[in-house]
Every structure is written in C-alpha cells, then in structure tokens.
C-alpha cells in the first residue's frame, strides 16, 4: 500500500480490495549479524510476556504543529534526507539497522468476508519472526484487532514486537488513494483513537504512538487533523511488493535489492492478500544478516532520530 511509482500497480489492487508490533532492549544473539556467506540459525523466542514498555520516542511537531513524519529517503549520493512536515531521516551507513514492518489490514466493512472464511491474519508469519528472533513493528488496523483479539494480544505482549496504528477503518486520509473511500477530516483523529482503543480492549500492551496512513496517502490537511492525537506518522523507503504476489523469491529479491542502513520495509500480515510473505521472510532474514544487518523496531529508528 505504497505510493512509489514502480510498485503502484500491485498495491493499487490491494488497496482497492481493502475498500469491500520505550527504549528497545539490547540486541541479543539473534540480532547479531551472521558471518558473511553463512546461514542464520533459528533463535529461541523471548518470554511470552513482558512489563509494559516506557513511553516510546516521538518526533517534535512540524511547522505550525503539524503531525511529524518519520521517513527515510535517499538522495542521489545515497545519503539520508529529511522529508516534509517535520519529518526525520533514519539510518547511517555505519549502523546497519533495518526495520521490517507489517501492515495488518482489515477494513471496517470486511466482517462478512471474514465470517465466510477469508483470513486477514497470518499466524505462520508471526511464528516465523519469533523462531528467527526478529524484532518487528506491526501496523495494525483497529478492525483487525477486533477480529483477531487473541492474536493482537499475543503480538502486543511479546517483547519482540510493537503494535503501531494503521487507522481503525483503513479509509483514505487523502483522495485519491488507490480507490479507498476517503475519511472526512473531522473524523480522522477519532478514527485513530478508535484503533488505539481496540488495541487496549484486546489486551495489547506494547503499543507505540506511531501511525501509518492507509496507502501512505496524506497531505497537510491530514497532518493537521491528526495533530491532537500526538502520533508520529511513519512512512517507508522499501516496498516489499508482497501484495497478492505468488512468487516468494520475487518479493525477497525486491526487499534485498532495496534495503539500505536505516531502511523501513513495508510488508503485510494479511494471509489472503499477501500469501507468500512468510516464505519470503525465511530468505530475507538470513541474507540480510549475512550482509551485517540487525533487525530493529521502528521505535529504535525514531529514538535515533529524536536524539540527533
């Protein structure tokens, strides 16, 4: 669900259908890079529950109090540049970190489809991330948390993960946006708060004040409308291309080719819409570790930017 031009066709399909996871702990052995050319063994999972984290870092508001946007984008020389609206750029070449993020998408009106057996979750993906010892951020819609409260609670109490906000309804915050119905500006803040309430109702504790716009679509009006929620909006620089993909290796190739130090990768945790993501992760993780990368949550990248 991304705005990058070369990926628009796949993501437009996903979004069109969508219309009808404090300071992180020190890296453990599983987060240390494997030797070049070597393989990465499975890592034991962390304990199933953990104390509630301290308040995660956020960026300062942008000009005029606009919601800040965290975004890593590269300039022509491969360096990091800052986006607009009070945004920050994550990542330095000396620190090979990468944040794998997964959008858990479900719209407000997809209950009947779930009742007929369509699966908007992906338990195998979460299990694989745990087995490989990968920290990750899940951008979850409130409707997804309502449909799968046990999974939301499991993800949101596992110290490997943090849950961030992907709206309640998965409607667009700017139009046009891949065919998504537009949410009126006066309803945007309430929609975000409703999603946070759904996470709390499910029992999730590792919830961070970060927000991902559905489809990545936003403008100054949306940034102004969300200012009262005190969230930091999070964009991405690497598109996984897993939306309705049937070739796991093609998804892995796209991620591996795009990742740079400080990258934020967008993938999906929606089995029916992204069926090969788990298989792609089984290749992406060891190959990035072999290149010296360490997997972090978005909160670690934001913390690094907030202290600069």
C-alpha atoms as a PDB file:
ATOM      1  CA  UNK A   1       0.000   0.000   0.000  1.00  0.00           C
ATOM      2  CA  UNK A   2       2.542   2.404  -1.198  1.00  0.00           C
ATOM      3  CA  UNK A   3       2.991   5.455  -3.317  1.00  0.00           C
ATOM      4  CA  UNK A   4       6.248   4.522  -5.031  1.00  0.00           C
ATOM      5  CA  UNK A   5       5.528   4.668  -8.786  1.00  0.00           C
ATOM      6  CA  UNK A   6       7.058   1.392  -9.896  1.00  0.00           C
ATOM      7  CA  UNK A   7       5.024  -0.558  -7.335  1.00  0.00           C
ATOM      8  CA  UNK A   8       1.699   1.204  -7.786  1.00  0.00           C
ATOM      9  CA  UNK A   9       0.014  -1.478  -9.873  1.00  0.00           C
ATOM     10  CA  UNK A  10       0.241  -4.248  -7.268  1.00  0.00           C
ATOM     11  CA  UNK A  11      -0.523  -2.029  -4.330  1.00  0.00           C
ATOM     12  CA  UNK A  12      -3.447  -0.393  -6.074  1.00  0.00           C
ATOM     13  CA  UNK A  13      -5.043  -3.821  -6.311  1.00  0.00           C
ATOM     14  CA  UNK A  14      -4.579  -4.458  -2.605  1.00  0.00           C
ATOM     15  CA  UNK A  15      -5.959  -1.098  -1.564  1.00  0.00           C
ATOM     16  CA  UNK A  16      -8.890  -1.427  -3.929  1.00  0.00           C
ATOM     17  CA  UNK A  17      -9.841  -4.755  -2.377  1.00  0.00           C
ATOM     18  CA  UNK A  18      -9.287  -3.364   1.093  1.00  0.00           C
ATOM     19  CA  UNK A  19     -12.026  -0.898   0.359  1.00  0.00           C
ATOM     20  CA  UNK A  20     -15.002  -4.254   0.087  1.00  0.00           C
ATOM     21  CA  UNK A  21       4.018  -4.611  16.951  1.00  0.00           C
ATOM     22  CA  UNK A  22      10.306   2.805  25.317  1.00  0.00           C
ATOM     23  CA  UNK A  23      13.708   2.093  24.615  1.00  0.00           C
ATOM     24  CA  UNK A  24      14.220  -1.268  22.956  1.00  0.00           C
ATOM     25  CA  UNK A  25      16.236  -3.965  24.701  1.00  0.00           C
ATOM     26  CA  UNK A  26      19.856  -4.516  23.821  1.00  0.00           C
ATOM     27  CA  UNK A  27      20.388  -6.770  20.829  1.00  0.00           C
ATOM     28  CA  UNK A  28      20.580 -10.439  21.710  1.00  0.00           C
ATOM     29  CA  UNK A  29      22.488 -13.142  19.864  1.00  0.00           C
ATOM     30  CA  UNK A  30      19.719 -13.492  17.315  1.00  0.00           C
ATOM     31  CA  UNK A  31      20.137  -9.851  16.273  1.00  0.00           C
ATOM     32  CA  UNK A  32      23.879 -10.033  15.746  1.00  0.00           C
ATOM     33  CA  UNK A  33      24.774 -10.440  12.068  1.00  0.00           C
ATOM     34  CA  UNK A  34      25.897 -13.825  10.828  1.00  0.00           C
ATOM     35  CA  UNK A  35      29.266 -14.188   9.174  1.00  0.00           C
ATOM     36  CA  UNK A  36      29.245 -13.240   5.512  1.00  0.00           C
ATOM     37  CA  UNK A  37      28.013 -16.076   3.400  1.00  0.00           C
ATOM     38  CA  UNK A  38      26.826 -18.015   6.438  1.00  0.00           C
ATOM     39  CA  UNK A  39      23.373 -19.061   7.431  1.00  0.00           C
ATOM     40  CA  UNK A  40      21.357 -17.764  10.337  1.00  0.00           C
ATOM     41  CA  UNK A  41      20.215 -20.351  12.863  1.00  0.00           C
ATOM     42  CA  UNK A  42      16.791 -20.214  14.381  1.00  0.00           C
ATOM     43  CA  UNK A  43      16.659 -18.154  17.544  1.00  0.00           C
ATOM     44  CA  UNK A  44      14.724 -19.108  20.656  1.00  0.00           C
ATOM     45  CA  UNK A  45      11.749 -16.867  21.331  1.00  0.00           C
ATOM     46  CA  UNK A  46      11.763 -14.338  24.136  1.00  0.00           C
ATOM     47  CA  UNK A  47       9.349 -14.811  27.024  1.00  0.00           C
ATOM     48  CA  UNK A  48       5.701 -14.636  26.014  1.00  0.00           C
ATOM     49  CA  UNK A  49       5.010 -11.547  28.121  1.00  0.00           C
ATOM     50  CA  UNK A  50       6.951  -8.549  29.340  1.00  0.00           C
ATOM     51  CA  UNK A  51       6.375  -5.485  31.517  1.00  0.00           C
ATOM     52  CA  UNK A  52       4.685  -2.575  29.801  1.00  0.00           C
ATOM     53  CA  UNK A  53       7.335  -0.519  27.975  1.00  0.00           C
ATOM     54  CA  UNK A  54       8.293   3.009  28.811  1.00  0.00           C
ATOM     55  CA  UNK A  55       6.846   5.776  26.665  1.00  0.00           C
ATOM     56  CA  UNK A  56       8.332   5.331  23.177  1.00  0.00           C
ATOM     57  CA  UNK A  57      10.085   8.263  21.499  1.00  0.00           C
ATOM     58  CA  UNK A  58       8.241  10.545  19.117  1.00  0.00           C
ATOM     59  CA  UNK A  59       9.381  13.369  16.871  1.00  0.00           C
ATOM     60  CA  UNK A  60       8.683  17.011  17.589  1.00  0.00           C
ATOM     61  CA  UNK A  61       5.702  18.502  15.750  1.00  0.00           C
ATOM     62  CA  UNK A  62       6.307  20.026  12.375  1.00  0.00           C
ATOM     63  CA  UNK A  63       5.740  23.659  11.355  1.00  0.00           C
ATOM     64  CA  UNK A  64       2.512  25.018  12.767  1.00  0.00           C
ATOM     65  CA  UNK A  65       2.100  21.973  14.986  1.00  0.00           C
ATOM     66  CA  UNK A  66       1.648  19.511  12.118  1.00  0.00           C
ATOM     67  CA  UNK A  67       1.952  15.810  12.874  1.00  0.00           C
ATOM     68  CA  UNK A  68       5.622  14.881  12.360  1.00  0.00           C
ATOM     69  CA  UNK A  69       6.532  12.330   9.695  1.00  0.00           C
ATOM     70  CA  UNK A  70       9.393   9.869  10.074  1.00  0.00           C
ATOM     71  CA  UNK A  71      10.709   8.902   6.674  1.00  0.00           C
ATOM     72  CA  UNK A  72      13.934   7.569   5.323  1.00  0.00           C
ATOM     73  CA  UNK A  73      14.642   8.545   1.759  1.00  0.00           C
ATOM     74  CA  UNK A  74      17.958   8.533  -0.048  1.00  0.00           C
ATOM     75  CA  UNK A  75      19.396  11.371  -2.083  1.00  0.00           C
ATOM     76  CA  UNK A  76      21.380  10.891  -5.257  1.00  0.00           C
ATOM     77  CA  UNK A  77      24.567  10.188  -3.304  1.00  0.00           C
ATOM     78  CA  UNK A  78      22.908   7.506  -1.214  1.00  0.00           C
ATOM     79  CA  UNK A  79      22.748   9.585   1.921  1.00  0.00           C
ATOM     80  CA  UNK A  80      19.773  10.161   4.152  1.00  0.00           C
ATOM     81  CA  UNK A  81      17.457  13.083   3.623  1.00  0.00           C
ATOM     82  CA  UNK A  82      14.591  14.545   5.614  1.00  0.00           C
ATOM     83  CA  UNK A  83      11.024  14.520   4.416  1.00  0.00           C
ATOM     84  CA  UNK A  84       8.431  17.225   4.889  1.00  0.00           C
ATOM     85  CA  UNK A  85       6.122  18.134   7.715  1.00  0.00           C
ATOM     86  CA  UNK A  86       8.698  17.895  10.464  1.00  0.00           C
ATOM     87  CA  UNK A  87       9.980  14.529   9.320  1.00  0.00           C
ATOM     88  CA  UNK A  88      13.231  12.859  10.148  1.00  0.00           C
ATOM     89  CA  UNK A  89      15.507  10.546   8.227  1.00  0.00           C
ATOM     90  CA  UNK A  90      16.652   7.312   9.826  1.00  0.00           C
ATOM     91  CA  UNK A  91      19.848   5.433   9.291  1.00  0.00           C
ATOM     92  CA  UNK A  92      23.563   5.987   8.936  1.00  0.00           C
ATOM     93  CA  UNK A  93      25.887   3.828   6.852  1.00  0.00           C
ATOM     94  CA  UNK A  94      27.868   2.765   9.926  1.00  0.00           C
ATOM     95  CA  UNK A  95      24.771   1.376  11.646  1.00  0.00           C
ATOM     96  CA  UNK A  96      23.302  -1.440   9.579  1.00  0.00           C
ATOM     97  CA  UNK A  97      19.833  -1.499  11.042  1.00  0.00           C
ATOM     98  CA  UNK A  98      16.632  -2.288   9.200  1.00  0.00           C
ATOM     99  CA  UNK A  99      13.034  -2.208  10.399  1.00  0.00           C
ATOM    100  CA  UNK A 100      10.702  -4.837   8.990  1.00  0.00           C
ATOM    101  CA  UNK A 101       7.137  -3.572   9.296  1.00  0.00           C
ATOM    102  CA  UNK A 102       3.955  -5.482   8.573  1.00  0.00           C
ATOM    103  CA  UNK A 103       0.575  -3.939   7.834  1.00  0.00           C
ATOM    104  CA  UNK A 104      -2.246  -5.965   9.414  1.00  0.00           C
ATOM    105  CA  UNK A 105      -5.033  -4.678   7.196  1.00  0.00           C
ATOM    106  CA  UNK A 106      -8.747  -5.071   7.612  1.00  0.00           C
ATOM    107  CA  UNK A 107     -11.382  -2.510   6.792  1.00  0.00           C
ATOM    108  CA  UNK A 108     -14.447  -1.665   8.823  1.00  0.00           C
ATOM    109  CA  UNK A 109     -16.756  -3.432   6.352  1.00  0.00           C
ATOM    110  CA  UNK A 110     -14.890  -6.720   5.849  1.00  0.00           C
ATOM    111  CA  UNK A 111     -16.550  -8.600   8.706  1.00  0.00           C
ATOM    112  CA  UNK A 112     -18.830 -10.571   6.351  1.00  0.00           C
ATOM    113  CA  UNK A 113     -15.819 -11.715   4.321  1.00  0.00           C
ATOM    114  CA  UNK A 114     -14.090 -12.905   7.492  1.00  0.00           C
ATOM    115  CA  UNK A 115     -17.291 -14.695   8.532  1.00  0.00           C
ATOM    116  CA  UNK A 116     -17.226 -16.555   5.215  1.00  0.00           C
ATOM    117  CA  UNK A 117     -13.713 -17.810   5.940  1.00  0.00           C
ATOM    118  CA  UNK A 118     -11.386 -15.226   4.408  1.00  0.00           C
ATOM    119  CA  UNK A 119      -8.275 -14.896   6.586  1.00  0.00           C
ATOM    120  CA  UNK A 120      -6.896 -11.420   7.156  1.00  0.00           C
ATOM    121  CA  UNK A 121      -4.363 -12.719   9.704  1.00  0.00           C
ATOM    122  CA  UNK A 122      -1.105 -14.659   9.206  1.00  0.00           C
ATOM    123  CA  UNK A 123      -0.123 -16.653  12.307  1.00  0.00           C
ATOM    124  CA  UNK A 124       2.611 -18.531  10.426  1.00  0.00           C
ATOM    125  CA  UNK A 125       4.362 -15.251   9.642  1.00  0.00           C
ATOM    126  CA  UNK A 126       4.382 -14.178  13.295  1.00  0.00           C
ATOM    127  CA  UNK A 127       5.617 -17.651  14.304  1.00  0.00           C
ATOM    128  CA  UNK A 128       8.478 -17.428  11.794  1.00  0.00           C
ATOM    129  CA  UNK A 129       9.529 -13.989  13.042  1.00  0.00           C
ATOM    130  CA  UNK A 130       9.616 -15.422  16.570  1.00  0.00           C
ATOM    131  CA  UNK A 131      11.561 -18.502  15.519  1.00  0.00           C
ATOM    132  CA  UNK A 132      14.149 -16.408  13.677  1.00  0.00           C
ATOM    133  CA  UNK A 133      14.388 -13.928  16.548  1.00  0.00           C
ATOM    134  CA  UNK A 134      13.345 -10.880  14.507  1.00  0.00           C
ATOM    135  CA  UNK A 135      12.132  -7.697  16.172  1.00  0.00           C
ATOM    136  CA  UNK A 136       9.402  -6.056  14.109  1.00  0.00           C
ATOM    137  CA  UNK A 137       6.640  -3.451  14.109  1.00  0.00           C
ATOM    138  CA  UNK A 138       3.085  -4.408  13.170  1.00  0.00           C
ATOM    139  CA  UNK A 139       0.944  -1.539  11.874  1.00  0.00           C
ATOM    140  CA  UNK A 140      -2.489  -2.813  12.797  1.00  0.00           C
ATOM    141  CA  UNK A 141      -5.961  -1.567  11.994  1.00  0.00           C
ATOM    142  CA  UNK A 142      -8.451  -1.434  14.826  1.00  0.00           C
ATOM    143  CA  UNK A 143     -10.817  -3.636  12.875  1.00  0.00           C
ATOM    144  CA  UNK A 144      -8.096  -6.330  12.610  1.00  0.00           C
ATOM    145  CA  UNK A 145      -7.600  -6.226  16.383  1.00  0.00           C
ATOM    146  CA  UNK A 146     -11.332  -6.659  16.886  1.00  0.00           C
ATOM    147  CA  UNK A 147     -11.460  -9.642  14.518  1.00  0.00           C
ATOM    148  CA  UNK A 148      -8.382 -11.331  15.997  1.00  0.00           C
ATOM    149  CA  UNK A 149      -8.154 -10.153  19.619  1.00  0.00           C
ATOM    150  CA  UNK A 150      -6.168 -13.171  20.822  1.00  0.00           C
ATOM    151  CA  UNK A 151      -3.547 -12.614  18.145  1.00  0.00           C
ATOM    152  CA  UNK A 152      -3.461  -8.876  18.805  1.00  0.00           C
ATOM    153  CA  UNK A 153      -2.874  -9.564  22.488  1.00  0.00           C
ATOM    154  CA  UNK A 154      -0.186 -12.165  21.729  1.00  0.00           C
ATOM    155  CA  UNK A 155       1.671  -9.803  19.402  1.00  0.00           C
ATOM    156  CA  UNK A 156       1.163  -6.872  21.747  1.00  0.00           C
ATOM    157  CA  UNK A 157       2.574  -8.644  24.811  1.00  0.00           C
ATOM    158  CA  UNK A 158       5.609 -10.163  23.093  1.00  0.00           C
ATOM    159  CA  UNK A 159       8.753  -8.041  23.597  1.00  0.00           C
ATOM    160  CA  UNK A 160       9.865  -8.928  20.078  1.00  0.00           C
ATOM    161  CA  UNK A 161       7.054  -6.812  18.656  1.00  0.00           C
ATOM    162  CA  UNK A 162       5.361  -3.463  18.940  1.00  0.00           C
ATOM    163  CA  UNK A 163       1.928  -2.530  17.620  1.00  0.00           C
ATOM    164  CA  UNK A 164       1.518   0.755  15.787  1.00  0.00           C
ATOM    165  CA  UNK A 165      -1.671   2.343  14.464  1.00  0.00           C
ATOM    166  CA  UNK A 166      -2.825   1.831  10.872  1.00  0.00           C
ATOM    167  CA  UNK A 167      -6.221   3.523  11.463  1.00  0.00           C
ATOM    168  CA  UNK A 168      -9.414   1.816  12.537  1.00  0.00           C
ATOM    169  CA  UNK A 169     -11.272   1.732   9.236  1.00  0.00           C
ATOM    170  CA  UNK A 170      -8.433   1.678   6.653  1.00  0.00           C
ATOM    171  CA  UNK A 171     -10.101   4.508   4.767  1.00  0.00           C
ATOM    172  CA  UNK A 172      -8.023   7.094   2.948  1.00  0.00           C
ATOM    173  CA  UNK A 173      -6.758  10.222   4.683  1.00  0.00           C
ATOM    174  CA  UNK A 174      -6.312  11.906   1.300  1.00  0.00           C
ATOM    175  CA  UNK A 175      -8.034  11.375  -2.004  1.00  0.00           C
ATOM    176  CA  UNK A 176      -7.416   9.862  -4.465  1.00  0.00           C
ATOM    177  CA  UNK A 177      -5.721   6.920  -2.754  1.00  0.00           C
ATOM    178  CA  UNK A 178      -5.885   3.666  -4.727  1.00  0.00           C
ATOM    179  CA  UNK A 179      -9.662   3.631  -4.698  1.00  0.00           C
ATOM    180  CA  UNK A 180     -10.062   3.746  -0.917  1.00  0.00           C
ATOM    181  CA  UNK A 181     -13.081   5.685   0.376  1.00  0.00           C
ATOM    182  CA  UNK A 182     -11.990   8.972   1.920  1.00  0.00           C
ATOM    183  CA  UNK A 183     -12.372   9.640   5.620  1.00  0.00           C
ATOM    184  CA  UNK A 184     -13.672  13.170   6.340  1.00  0.00           C
ATOM    185  CA  UNK A 185     -11.036  15.353   8.009  1.00  0.00           C
ATOM    186  CA  UNK A 186     -13.219  15.901  11.055  1.00  0.00           C
ATOM    187  CA  UNK A 187     -13.328  12.107  11.647  1.00  0.00           C
ATOM    188  CA  UNK A 188      -9.612  11.372  11.252  1.00  0.00           C
ATOM    189  CA  UNK A 189      -8.468  11.865  14.844  1.00  0.00           C
ATOM    190  CA  UNK A 190     -11.429   9.873  16.168  1.00  0.00           C
ATOM    191  CA  UNK A 191     -10.636   7.025  13.773  1.00  0.00           C
ATOM    192  CA  UNK A 192      -7.054   6.828  15.062  1.00  0.00           C
ATOM    193  CA  UNK A 193      -8.198   6.947  18.697  1.00  0.00           C
ATOM    194  CA  UNK A 194     -10.739   4.192  17.993  1.00  0.00           C
ATOM    195  CA  UNK A 195      -7.932   1.956  16.755  1.00  0.00           C
ATOM    196  CA  UNK A 196      -5.873   2.563  19.906  1.00  0.00           C
ATOM    197  CA  UNK A 197      -8.974   1.710  21.961  1.00  0.00           C
ATOM    198  CA  UNK A 198      -9.322  -1.586  20.058  1.00  0.00           C
ATOM    199  CA  UNK A 199      -5.712  -2.495  20.884  1.00  0.00           C
ATOM    200  CA  UNK A 200      -6.331  -1.797  24.573  1.00  0.00           C
ATOM    201  CA  UNK A 201      -9.549  -3.821  24.539  1.00  0.00           C
ATOM    202  CA  UNK A 202      -7.654  -6.784  23.064  1.00  0.00           C
ATOM    203  CA  UNK A 203      -5.092  -6.603  25.883  1.00  0.00           C
ATOM    204  CA  UNK A 204      -2.128  -5.410  23.814  1.00  0.00           C
ATOM    205  CA  UNK A 205       0.486  -3.592  25.902  1.00  0.00           C
ATOM    206  CA  UNK A 206       3.428  -2.930  23.572  1.00  0.00           C
ATOM    207  CA  UNK A 207       1.596  -0.197  21.683  1.00  0.00           C
ATOM    208  CA  UNK A 208       3.553   2.724  20.265  1.00  0.00           C
ATOM    209  CA  UNK A 209       2.290   6.199  19.247  1.00  0.00           C
ATOM    210  CA  UNK A 210       3.130   5.750  15.581  1.00  0.00           C
ATOM    211  CA  UNK A 211       0.709   5.910  12.683  1.00  0.00           C
ATOM    212  CA  UNK A 212       0.838   4.690   9.103  1.00  0.00           C
ATOM    213  CA  UNK A 213      -1.538   6.282   6.633  1.00  0.00           C
ATOM    214  CA  UNK A 214      -3.511   3.729   4.604  1.00  0.00           C
ATOM    215  CA  UNK A 215      -1.843   3.633   1.228  1.00  0.00           C
ATOM    216  CA  UNK A 216       0.697   6.130   2.581  1.00  0.00           C
ATOM    217  CA  UNK A 217      -1.606   8.850   1.286  1.00  0.00           C
ATOM    218  CA  UNK A 218      -1.622  12.096   3.235  1.00  0.00           C
ATOM    219  CA  UNK A 219      -1.438  15.839   2.826  1.00  0.00           C
ATOM    220  CA  UNK A 220      -1.073  18.870   5.066  1.00  0.00           C
ATOM    221  CA  UNK A 221      -4.755  18.751   5.992  1.00  0.00           C
ATOM    222  CA  UNK A 222      -4.387  15.181   7.244  1.00  0.00           C
ATOM    223  CA  UNK A 223      -1.244  16.057   9.223  1.00  0.00           C
ATOM    224  CA  UNK A 224      -3.128  18.937  10.808  1.00  0.00           C
ATOM    225  CA  UNK A 225      -6.180  16.778  11.595  1.00  0.00           C
ATOM    226  CA  UNK A 226      -4.058  14.178  13.403  1.00  0.00           C
ATOM    227  CA  UNK A 227      -2.055  16.674  15.460  1.00  0.00           C
ATOM    228  CA  UNK A 228      -4.291  16.259  18.569  1.00  0.00           C
ATOM    229  CA  UNK A 229      -3.531  12.513  18.669  1.00  0.00           C
ATOM    230  CA  UNK A 230       0.204  13.198  19.307  1.00  0.00           C
ATOM    231  CA  UNK A 231       1.298  10.433  16.930  1.00  0.00           C
ATOM    232  CA  UNK A 232       4.366  10.342  14.713  1.00  0.00           C
ATOM    233  CA  UNK A 233       3.475   9.271  11.182  1.00  0.00           C
ATOM    234  CA  UNK A 234       5.807   6.637   9.736  1.00  0.00           C
ATOM    235  CA  UNK A 235       6.493   6.182   6.042  1.00  0.00           C
ATOM    236  CA  UNK A 236       8.903   3.728   4.358  1.00  0.00           C
ATOM    237  CA  UNK A 237      11.573   3.539   1.709  1.00  0.00           C
ATOM    238  CA  UNK A 238      11.430  -0.147   0.697  1.00  0.00           C
ATOM    239  CA  UNK A 239       8.281  -1.690  -0.753  1.00  0.00           C
ATOM    240  CA  UNK A 240       8.115  -5.451  -0.288  1.00  0.00           C
ATOM    241  CA  UNK A 241       5.769  -5.976  -3.223  1.00  0.00           C
ATOM    242  CA  UNK A 242       4.071  -8.875  -1.429  1.00  0.00           C
ATOM    243  CA  UNK A 243       0.526  -7.684  -2.122  1.00  0.00           C
ATOM    244  CA  UNK A 244      -1.115 -10.566  -3.997  1.00  0.00           C
ATOM    245  CA  UNK A 245       2.314 -11.835  -5.018  1.00  0.00           C
ATOM    246  CA  UNK A 246       2.644 -15.519  -5.889  1.00  0.00           C
ATOM    247  CA  UNK A 247       6.462 -15.701  -6.036  1.00  0.00           C
ATOM    248  CA  UNK A 248       8.204 -15.503  -2.651  1.00  0.00           C
ATOM    249  CA  UNK A 249      11.628 -15.192  -4.277  1.00  0.00           C
ATOM    250  CA  UNK A 250      10.500 -12.145  -6.266  1.00  0.00           C
ATOM    251  CA  UNK A 251       9.383 -10.486  -3.022  1.00  0.00           C
ATOM    252  CA  UNK A 252      12.674 -11.370  -1.342  1.00  0.00           C
ATOM    253  CA  UNK A 253      14.678 -10.064  -4.319  1.00  0.00           C
ATOM    254  CA  UNK A 254      12.832  -6.748  -4.182  1.00  0.00           C
ATOM    255  CA  UNK A 255      13.456  -6.284  -0.458  1.00  0.00           C
ATOM    256  CA  UNK A 256      17.094  -7.360  -0.598  1.00  0.00           C
ATOM    257  CA  UNK A 257      17.788  -5.013  -3.506  1.00  0.00           C
ATOM    258  CA  UNK A 258      16.180  -2.048  -1.761  1.00  0.00           C
ATOM    259  CA  UNK A 259      17.406  -2.214   1.825  1.00  0.00           C
ATOM    260  CA  UNK A 260      19.948   0.375   2.992  1.00  0.00           C
ATOM    261  CA  UNK A 261      21.122   1.214   6.537  1.00  0.00           C
ATOM    262  CA  UNK A 262      18.116   2.607   8.405  1.00  0.00           C
ATOM    263  CA  UNK A 263      15.556   1.334   5.909  1.00  0.00           C
ATOM    264  CA  UNK A 264      11.913   0.829   6.786  1.00  0.00           C
ATOM    265  CA  UNK A 265      10.445  -2.083   4.800  1.00  0.00           C
ATOM    266  CA  UNK A 266       6.695  -2.343   4.282  1.00  0.00           C
ATOM    267  CA  UNK A 267       5.214  -5.838   4.025  1.00  0.00           C
ATOM    268  CA  UNK A 268       1.859  -7.299   5.064  1.00  0.00           C
ATOM    269  CA  UNK A 269       0.419  -9.581   7.733  1.00  0.00           C
ATOM    270  CA  UNK A 270      -2.728 -10.499   5.808  1.00  0.00           C
ATOM    271  CA  UNK A 271      -2.812 -14.095   4.619  1.00  0.00           C
ATOM    272  CA  UNK A 272      -5.453 -13.759   1.907  1.00  0.00           C
ATOM    273  CA  UNK A 273      -3.899 -10.627   0.393  1.00  0.00           C
ATOM    274  CA  UNK A 274      -0.206 -11.478   0.841  1.00  0.00           C
ATOM    275  CA  UNK A 275       0.104 -15.274   0.814  1.00  0.00           C
ATOM    276  CA  UNK A 276       3.873 -15.621   0.204  1.00  0.00           C
ATOM    277  CA  UNK A 277       5.190 -13.144   2.797  1.00  0.00           C
ATOM    278  CA  UNK A 278       6.145 -15.791   5.354  1.00  0.00           C
ATOM    279  CA  UNK A 279       8.132 -17.754   2.770  1.00  0.00           C
ATOM    280  CA  UNK A 280       9.895 -14.569   1.628  1.00  0.00           C
ATOM    281  CA  UNK A 281      10.877 -13.733   5.221  1.00  0.00           C
ATOM    282  CA  UNK A 282      12.597 -17.112   5.553  1.00  0.00           C
ATOM    283  CA  UNK A 283      15.009 -15.955   2.848  1.00  0.00           C
ATOM    284  CA  UNK A 284      15.152 -12.217   3.618  1.00  0.00           C
ATOM    285  CA  UNK A 285      16.228 -12.584   7.243  1.00  0.00           C
ATOM    286  CA  UNK A 286      19.327 -14.790   6.846  1.00  0.00           C
ATOM    287  CA  UNK A 287      20.511 -12.955   3.744  1.00  0.00           C
ATOM    288  CA  UNK A 288      20.289  -9.536   5.397  1.00  0.00           C
ATOM    289  CA  UNK A 289      22.049 -10.883   8.492  1.00  0.00           C
ATOM    290  CA  UNK A 290      24.807 -12.236   6.264  1.00  0.00           C
ATOM    291  CA  UNK A 291      25.238  -8.667   4.990  1.00  0.00           C
ATOM    292  CA  UNK A 292      25.632  -7.402   8.549  1.00  0.00           C
ATOM    293  CA  UNK A 293      22.127  -6.067   9.164  1.00  0.00           C
ATOM    294  CA  UNK A 294      20.423  -6.018  12.552  1.00  0.00           C
ATOM    295  CA  UNK A 295      16.621  -6.051  12.807  1.00  0.00           C
ATOM    296  CA  UNK A 296      15.056  -3.337  14.943  1.00  0.00           C
ATOM    297  CA  UNK A 297      11.637  -1.954  15.703  1.00  0.00           C
ATOM    298  CA  UNK A 298      10.591   1.398  14.298  1.00  0.00           C
ATOM    299  CA  UNK A 299      10.870   2.853  17.815  1.00  0.00           C
ATOM    300  CA  UNK A 300      14.635   2.349  17.727  1.00  0.00           C
ATOM    301  CA  UNK A 301      14.947   4.259  14.471  1.00  0.00           C
ATOM    302  CA  UNK A 302      12.737   7.035  15.770  1.00  0.00           C
ATOM    303  CA  UNK A 303      14.761   7.174  19.004  1.00  0.00           C
ATOM    304  CA  UNK A 304      17.949   7.638  16.995  1.00  0.00           C
ATOM    305  CA  UNK A 305      16.414  10.491  15.026  1.00  0.00           C
ATOM    306  CA  UNK A 306      14.815  12.121  18.078  1.00  0.00           C
ATOM    307  CA  UNK A 307      18.194  12.372  19.832  1.00  0.00           C
ATOM    308  CA  UNK A 308      20.092  13.804  16.871  1.00  0.00           C
END
